[in-house]
Amino acid sequence: MSRLAGLITVVAALMLSGAVAKSTPSAGYGWPVKPFDRPHPVRSNFGDPRTLFRGPPTATTLDDGPGSFAFHEGVDIAAPDGTAVYPVRAGTVTANRAERVFVHAADGEIFQYWHIVPTVAVGTHVRAFVTVLGHIRKGYGHVHFVDIQDGRPLNPLAPGHLTPYEDVTAPQVELVELRRPGTTTELLPELVRGRIEIDASAFDTPKPAAPGTWAHMPTTPAELTWLVERASNDRVRIPERVAFDTRLHLPTRSFWSVYARGTHQNMPTFRKHRYWRDAGVYLFRLGIVDTRKLRDGIYTVVVTARDIGGNSATGDLTFLVYNHHGWPPETKQA
């Protein structure tokens, strides 16, 4: 290669790297607990269900009981009680409550640090990774970290935010089921007709694992999609649709229009009693299908779960659509 050709190659490479750098997210910010430059266990994801049932732990309560239900607006970063918590960005303390500190950065971004004993006063200017905001309260074992931009919580694990972070485990689609729309009545896939609801149970196993009783507790995936295809030839009849997406923001729909009844958080609370070591159950309402718009026959719904790192897994369920009166005809021997 001539010197001129080599120079052109180097210049082109530099131009390309500059273009890539401009198109990729910013380097983000470190973790709010030491060491700042290493990933820490995340024991609860952005968008995980938060369920507090007022009734006892019965099927009736789980299926239709009142309570407090919400999406988790941040991530829970596991660390021992008493651990010092630092701001990830410089700014001014605008709130100092019993167990939380809010810091406003110069660009308007707001960071919240929950479940700590504050050591800073409102109005204090804090320096990133230098000022101690407080220490994790006894009995909590984590700091709840929230990132708010333009008035909306953002997923702190999205690219360009908490870093370094690498998700190396794939989520799982545990089951796919059909229900009568808006109910907990499961439909047998051997014969469905009319309107049906597709639900799925899915979860992720975070790495590194949280310590102690949280070591094997599941979290939610960052995205769930589904499609329906003809079983005989895999031809797609209902294109892929997104049912759940917390890769950047929280769902805008109500809690029980996103999650299906039967859902509860890790170590759920029923009638003010916390059920320790009870793993969460995450059932998602994926969508409604009017089978009358499909030709009678055998179909497969394919559900894909993806995490924030792009790892994915699928689950499926095959079902028979028969919208004619009566039952399917007798099967002839081949």
Protein backbone atom coordinates (compact mmCIF):
# COMPACT_ATOMS: atom_id res chain seq x y z
CA MET A 1 0.00 0.00 0.00
CA SER A 2 1.37 3.44 -0.94
CA ARG A 3 1.84 6.16 1.67
CA LEU A 4 -0.99 8.17 0.07
CA ALA A 5 -3.35 5.21 0.15
CA GLY A 6 -2.38 4.54 3.75
CA LEU A 7 -3.02 8.18 4.69
CA ILE A 8 -6.45 8.07 3.02
CA THR A 9 -7.26 4.89 4.93
CA VAL A 10 -6.28 6.46 8.27
CA VAL A 11 -8.28 9.64 7.56
CA ALA A 12 -11.32 7.60 6.55
CA ALA A 13 -11.02 5.53 9.73
CA LEU A 14 -10.84 8.68 11.86
CA MET A 15 -13.85 10.17 10.11
CA LEU A 16 -15.80 6.95 10.61
CA SER A 17 -14.85 6.72 14.28
CA GLY A 18 -15.96 10.33 14.75
CA ALA A 19 -19.29 9.62 13.11
CA VAL A 20 -19.78 6.56 15.30
CA ALA A 21 -18.86 8.49 18.40
CA LYS A 22 -21.45 11.14 17.61
CA SER A 23 -24.15 8.52 17.01
CA THR A 24 -23.51 6.44 20.14
CA PRO A 25 -24.82 7.32 23.64
CA SER A 26 -22.69 9.31 26.03
CA ALA A 27 -20.36 7.49 28.38
CA GLY A 28 -22.95 7.86 31.13
CA TYR A 29 -22.20 8.04 34.83
CA GLY A 30 -20.73 5.70 37.42
CA TRP A 31 -22.50 3.88 40.23
CA PRO A 32 -23.66 5.71 43.39
CA VAL A 33 -21.77 3.30 45.69
CA LYS A 34 -18.11 2.33 45.71
CA PRO A 35 -16.44 1.13 43.58
CA PHE A 36 -17.96 3.60 41.12
CA ASP A 37 -16.40 1.98 38.06
CA ARG A 38 -17.71 -1.57 38.59
CA PRO A 39 -21.20 -2.99 38.14
CA HIS A 40 -23.17 -3.77 41.31
CA PRO A 41 -25.99 -6.29 41.78
CA VAL A 42 -29.38 -4.94 40.68
CA ARG A 43 -32.04 -6.77 42.60
CA SER A 44 -35.06 -5.00 41.09
CA ASN A 45 -35.45 -3.68 37.56
CA PHE A 46 -37.07 -0.61 36.09
CA GLY A 47 -40.75 -1.44 35.52
CA ASP A 48 -40.92 -4.37 37.95
CA PRO A 49 -44.34 -4.71 39.62
CA ARG A 50 -44.86 -3.20 43.05
CA THR A 51 -47.82 -4.94 44.69
CA LEU A 52 -49.26 -4.39 48.15
CA PHE A 53 -52.44 -6.42 48.58
CA ARG A 54 -54.86 -5.39 51.32
CA GLY A 55 -56.37 -8.85 51.56
CA PRO A 56 -55.00 -12.20 52.82
CA PRO A 57 -52.86 -14.49 50.62
CA THR A 58 -55.73 -16.21 48.81
CA ALA A 59 -56.55 -16.83 45.16
CA THR A 60 -59.43 -14.37 45.47
CA THR A 61 -57.10 -11.61 46.67
CA LEU A 62 -54.55 -12.35 43.98
CA ASP A 63 -57.16 -12.48 41.21
CA ASP A 64 -59.31 -9.52 42.18
CA GLY A 65 -58.20 -8.02 45.50
CA PRO A 66 -57.66 -4.32 46.16
CA GLY A 67 -54.33 -2.81 47.08
CA SER A 68 -51.56 -0.55 45.88
CA PHE A 69 -50.09 -1.43 42.49
CA ALA A 70 -47.40 0.47 40.59
CA PHE A 71 -44.41 0.19 38.26
CA HIS A 72 -40.96 0.38 39.85
CA GLU A 73 -39.61 3.78 38.79
CA GLY A 74 -35.91 3.06 39.23
CA VAL A 75 -33.49 0.25 40.01
CA ASP A 76 -32.58 -1.21 43.38
CA ILE A 77 -28.80 -1.43 43.73
CA ALA A 78 -27.80 -3.97 46.36
CA ALA A 79 -25.23 -2.88 48.96
CA PRO A 80 -24.78 -3.54 52.70
CA ASP A 81 -26.57 -1.42 55.27
CA GLY A 82 -24.49 1.61 56.21
CA THR A 83 -22.85 1.89 52.77
CA ALA A 84 -22.07 5.47 51.77
CA VAL A 85 -24.12 6.76 48.82
CA TYR A 86 -22.68 9.39 46.45
CA PRO A 87 -24.19 11.57 43.70
CA VAL A 88 -23.54 10.32 40.18
CA ARG A 89 -23.71 13.88 38.85
CA ALA A 90 -22.92 17.21 40.48
CA GLY A 91 -25.89 19.36 41.41
CA THR A 92 -27.97 20.92 44.16
CA VAL A 93 -29.93 19.08 46.83
CA THR A 94 -33.59 20.06 46.40
CA ALA A 95 -35.21 17.54 48.78
CA ASN A 96 -34.07 15.88 51.97
CA ARG A 97 -36.75 13.68 53.47
CA ALA A 98 -36.77 10.90 56.02
CA GLU A 99 -35.01 8.42 53.76
CA ARG A 100 -34.39 10.07 50.41
CA VAL A 101 -32.31 12.78 48.76
CA PHE A 102 -33.08 14.50 45.45
CA VAL A 103 -30.29 16.14 43.44
CA HIS A 104 -30.94 18.48 40.50
CA ALA A 105 -28.12 18.64 37.96
CA ALA A 106 -27.35 21.82 36.02
CA ASP A 107 -29.00 20.49 32.85
CA GLY A 108 -32.29 19.83 34.67
CA GLU A 109 -31.82 16.09 35.13
CA ILE A 110 -33.00 14.88 38.55
CA PHE A 111 -31.50 11.99 40.49
CA GLN A 112 -33.20 10.41 43.48
CA TYR A 113 -31.54 8.27 46.12
CA TRP A 114 -33.96 6.40 48.40
CA HIS A 115 -33.62 4.34 51.60
CA ILE A 116 -30.69 6.28 52.98
CA VAL A 117 -30.01 8.28 56.13
CA PRO A 118 -29.28 11.74 54.64
CA THR A 119 -26.14 13.67 55.59
CA VAL A 120 -26.71 16.72 53.36
CA ALA A 121 -29.10 19.63 53.69
CA VAL A 122 -31.42 21.17 51.11
CA GLY A 123 -29.55 23.78 49.06
CA THR A 124 -26.19 22.03 49.38
CA HIS A 125 -24.13 21.85 46.20
CA VAL A 126 -22.80 18.30 45.88
CA ARG A 127 -19.88 16.97 43.85
CA ALA A 128 -20.15 13.75 41.88
CA PHE A 129 -18.49 10.80 43.66
CA VAL A 130 -17.07 13.11 46.33
CA THR A 131 -19.94 14.32 48.53
CA VAL A 132 -21.59 11.69 50.71
CA LEU A 133 -25.37 12.05 50.40
CA GLY A 134 -26.04 9.58 53.19
CA HIS A 135 -25.80 5.94 54.17
CA ILE A 136 -28.09 3.01 53.42
CA ARG A 137 -30.63 2.59 56.21
CA LYS A 138 -30.56 -0.44 58.46
CA GLY A 139 -32.64 -3.31 57.13
CA TYR A 140 -32.81 -2.13 53.51
CA GLY A 141 -29.66 -3.56 51.93
CA HIS A 142 -30.01 -1.41 48.81
CA VAL A 143 -30.33 2.10 47.44
CA HIS A 144 -33.29 2.82 45.18
CA PHE A 145 -31.89 4.94 42.34
CA VAL A 146 -34.07 7.04 40.03
CA ASP A 147 -33.07 9.07 36.96
CA ILE A 148 -35.63 11.66 35.76
CA GLN A 149 -35.37 13.65 32.53
CA ASP A 150 -38.05 16.06 31.28
CA GLY A 151 -40.31 14.97 34.10
CA ARG A 152 -40.24 11.27 33.17
CA PRO A 153 -38.32 8.45 34.87
CA LEU A 154 -35.74 6.86 32.59
CA ASN A 155 -34.34 3.36 32.80
CA PRO A 156 -31.00 3.86 34.61
CA LEU A 157 -29.65 0.72 32.92
CA ALA A 158 -30.24 2.05 29.40
CA PRO A 159 -27.11 2.82 27.35
CA GLY A 160 -25.65 6.20 28.27
CA HIS A 161 -26.71 6.03 31.92
CA LEU A 162 -25.36 3.75 34.68
CA THR A 163 -22.04 2.40 33.50
CA PRO A 164 -20.26 0.06 33.34
CA TYR A 165 -23.12 -2.40 33.03
CA GLU A 166 -23.30 -5.64 31.09
CA ASP A 167 -26.24 -8.04 31.01
CA VAL A 168 -24.98 -11.54 30.21
CA THR A 169 -28.01 -13.70 31.04
CA ALA A 170 -31.00 -14.22 28.76
CA PRO A 171 -34.54 -13.84 30.09
CA GLN A 172 -37.00 -16.73 30.02
CA VAL A 173 -40.55 -17.08 28.77
CA GLU A 174 -41.92 -19.52 31.32
CA LEU A 175 -45.37 -20.10 29.85
CA VAL A 176 -47.85 -18.76 27.33
CA GLU A 177 -51.56 -19.08 27.97
CA LEU A 178 -54.91 -18.00 26.58
CA ARG A 179 -57.56 -16.33 28.70
CA ARG A 180 -61.03 -14.98 28.32
CA PRO A 181 -60.34 -11.25 27.84
CA GLY A 182 -60.09 -9.28 31.08
CA THR A 183 -60.47 -12.34 33.32
CA THR A 184 -58.33 -15.01 34.96
CA THR A 185 -60.27 -17.79 33.19
CA GLU A 186 -57.78 -19.87 31.22
CA LEU A 187 -58.88 -21.25 27.87
CA LEU A 188 -57.74 -24.63 26.62
CA PRO A 189 -55.69 -24.21 23.44
CA GLU A 190 -57.30 -27.31 21.91
CA LEU A 191 -60.25 -25.18 20.79
CA VAL A 192 -60.71 -21.41 20.91
CA ARG A 193 -63.21 -19.16 19.21
CA GLY A 194 -64.20 -15.51 19.30
CA ARG A 195 -62.04 -13.03 21.20
CA ILE A 196 -59.14 -14.36 23.24
CA GLU A 197 -56.43 -12.75 25.35
CA ILE A 198 -52.81 -13.88 25.11
CA ASP A 199 -50.83 -13.76 28.36
CA ALA A 200 -47.31 -14.85 29.16
CA SER A 201 -45.12 -15.37 32.19
CA ALA A 202 -41.57 -14.11 31.73
CA PHE A 203 -38.63 -13.19 33.92
CA ASP A 204 -34.93 -12.43 33.92
CA THR A 205 -32.19 -13.56 36.30
CA PRO A 206 -29.85 -10.64 37.02
CA LYS A 207 -26.06 -11.00 37.12
CA PRO A 208 -24.19 -10.37 39.28
CA ALA A 209 -26.66 -11.91 41.71
CA ALA A 210 -27.78 -9.96 44.74
CA PRO A 211 -26.57 -11.24 48.10
CA GLY A 212 -28.52 -13.16 50.74
CA THR A 213 -32.22 -13.85 50.32
CA TRP A 214 -32.29 -11.87 47.06
CA ALA A 215 -29.75 -14.13 45.33
CA HIS A 216 -32.29 -16.03 43.23
CA MET A 217 -35.08 -13.49 42.97
CA PRO A 218 -36.26 -12.79 39.38
CA THR A 219 -36.69 -9.44 37.65
CA THR A 220 -38.75 -8.49 34.62
CA PRO A 221 -37.42 -8.42 31.05
CA ALA A 222 -37.09 -5.04 29.38
CA GLU A 223 -39.29 -5.91 26.39
CA LEU A 224 -41.92 -8.46 25.37
CA THR A 225 -43.23 -8.92 21.83
CA TRP A 226 -45.56 -11.46 20.23
CA LEU A 227 -46.80 -12.64 16.87
CA VAL A 228 -49.14 -15.31 15.53
CA GLU A 229 -48.22 -17.62 12.68
CA ARG A 230 -49.87 -20.50 10.87
CA ALA A 231 -48.56 -23.70 12.42
CA SER A 232 -48.40 -25.63 9.16
CA ASN A 233 -46.06 -23.27 7.32
CA ASP A 234 -44.87 -20.65 9.88
CA ARG A 235 -46.47 -17.93 7.78
CA VAL A 236 -47.10 -14.87 9.95
CA ARG A 237 -50.77 -13.99 10.29
CA ILE A 238 -50.48 -11.33 13.00
CA PRO A 239 -47.22 -9.33 12.71
CA GLU A 240 -44.96 -8.86 15.71
CA ARG A 241 -46.33 -6.42 18.27
CA VAL A 242 -44.74 -4.84 21.32
CA ALA A 243 -46.65 -5.55 24.53
CA PHE A 244 -44.16 -4.39 27.18
CA ASP A 245 -41.23 -2.02 26.76
CA THR A 246 -39.24 -0.47 29.60
CA ARG A 247 -35.96 -0.09 27.74
CA LEU A 248 -36.25 3.67 28.15
CA HIS A 249 -39.55 4.69 29.80
CA LEU A 250 -42.30 3.16 31.90
CA PRO A 251 -45.53 1.96 30.27
CA THR A 252 -48.12 4.69 29.82
CA ARG A 253 -51.03 2.28 30.34
CA SER A 254 -52.47 1.42 33.75
CA PHE A 255 -50.84 -1.29 35.85
CA TRP A 256 -53.48 -4.00 35.37
CA SER A 257 -53.70 -3.37 31.64
CA VAL A 258 -50.01 -4.26 31.39
CA TYR A 259 -49.71 -6.98 34.02
CA ALA A 260 -52.25 -9.80 34.27
CA ARG A 261 -53.92 -10.79 37.50
CA GLY A 262 -51.85 -13.41 39.28
CA THR A 263 -48.84 -11.09 39.21
CA HIS A 264 -47.05 -10.21 42.43
CA GLN A 265 -43.66 -8.79 43.29
CA ASN A 266 -40.74 -10.56 44.95
CA MET A 267 -41.48 -11.15 48.63
CA PRO A 268 -45.04 -9.81 48.29
CA THR A 269 -47.13 -8.18 50.99
CA PHE A 270 -50.61 -9.46 51.84
CA ARG A 271 -52.52 -7.71 54.62
CA LYS A 272 -49.35 -5.93 55.81
CA HIS A 273 -47.36 -9.17 56.15
CA ARG A 274 -44.24 -9.55 54.00
CA TYR A 275 -43.72 -13.06 52.64
CA TRP A 276 -39.95 -13.40 52.63
CA ARG A 277 -38.20 -15.68 50.13
CA ASP A 278 -41.34 -15.85 47.95
CA ALA A 279 -40.23 -15.24 44.36
CA GLY A 280 -42.17 -12.84 42.17
CA VAL A 281 -44.61 -13.93 39.48
CA TYR A 282 -44.74 -11.74 36.37
CA LEU A 283 -47.71 -12.31 34.08
CA PHE A 284 -48.08 -9.99 31.12
CA ARG A 285 -51.20 -9.15 29.11
CA LEU A 286 -49.83 -9.27 25.59
CA GLY A 287 -52.88 -8.57 23.48
CA ILE A 288 -56.36 -9.47 22.28
CA VAL A 289 -56.97 -11.61 19.19
CA ASP A 290 -60.32 -11.85 17.45
CA THR A 291 -60.04 -15.37 16.05
CA ARG A 292 -63.03 -14.70 13.77
CA LYS A 293 -60.60 -12.76 11.60
CA LEU A 294 -58.49 -15.90 11.17
CA ARG A 295 -59.36 -18.91 9.06
CA ASP A 296 -60.18 -21.99 11.08
CA GLY A 297 -57.03 -23.98 11.66
CA ILE A 298 -53.96 -24.44 13.85
CA TYR A 299 -51.87 -21.44 14.87
CA THR A 300 -48.86 -20.72 17.06
CA VAL A 301 -48.31 -17.61 19.13
CA VAL A 302 -44.60 -16.86 19.57
CA VAL A 303 -43.54 -14.65 22.48
CA THR A 304 -40.07 -13.07 22.66
CA ALA A 305 -38.55 -11.62 25.83
CA ARG A 306 -35.54 -9.31 25.62
CA ASP A 307 -33.46 -7.73 28.36
CA ILE A 308 -31.73 -4.35 28.39
CA GLY A 309 -28.58 -5.96 26.97
CA GLY A 310 -30.38 -7.40 23.95
CA ASN A 311 -30.31 -11.03 25.12
CA SER A 312 -33.51 -12.81 24.13
CA ALA A 313 -35.53 -15.99 24.50
CA THR A 314 -38.81 -17.21 23.06
CA GLY A 315 -41.78 -19.27 24.16
CA ASP A 316 -44.77 -20.44 22.17
CA LEU A 317 -48.19 -22.01 22.36
CA THR A 318 -50.07 -23.82 19.61
CA PHE A 319 -53.85 -23.51 19.52
CA LEU A 320 -56.79 -24.51 17.32
CA VAL A 321 -59.24 -21.93 16.01
CA TYR A 322 -62.73 -23.20 15.16
CA ASN A 323 -65.45 -20.58 14.84
CA HIS A 324 -68.09 -22.77 13.18
CA HIS A 325 -71.06 -23.99 15.19
CA GLY A 326 -70.45 -27.12 17.23
CA TRP A 327 -67.24 -29.12 17.39
CA PRO A 328 -64.49 -29.84 14.88
CA PRO A 329 -65.23 -32.85 12.65
CA GLU A 330 -63.94 -36.31 13.36
CA THR A 331 -60.30 -36.79 12.41
CA LYS A 332 -59.81 -39.33 9.64
CA GLN A 333 -56.95 -41.79 9.83
CA ALA A 334 -54.02 -40.90 7.62
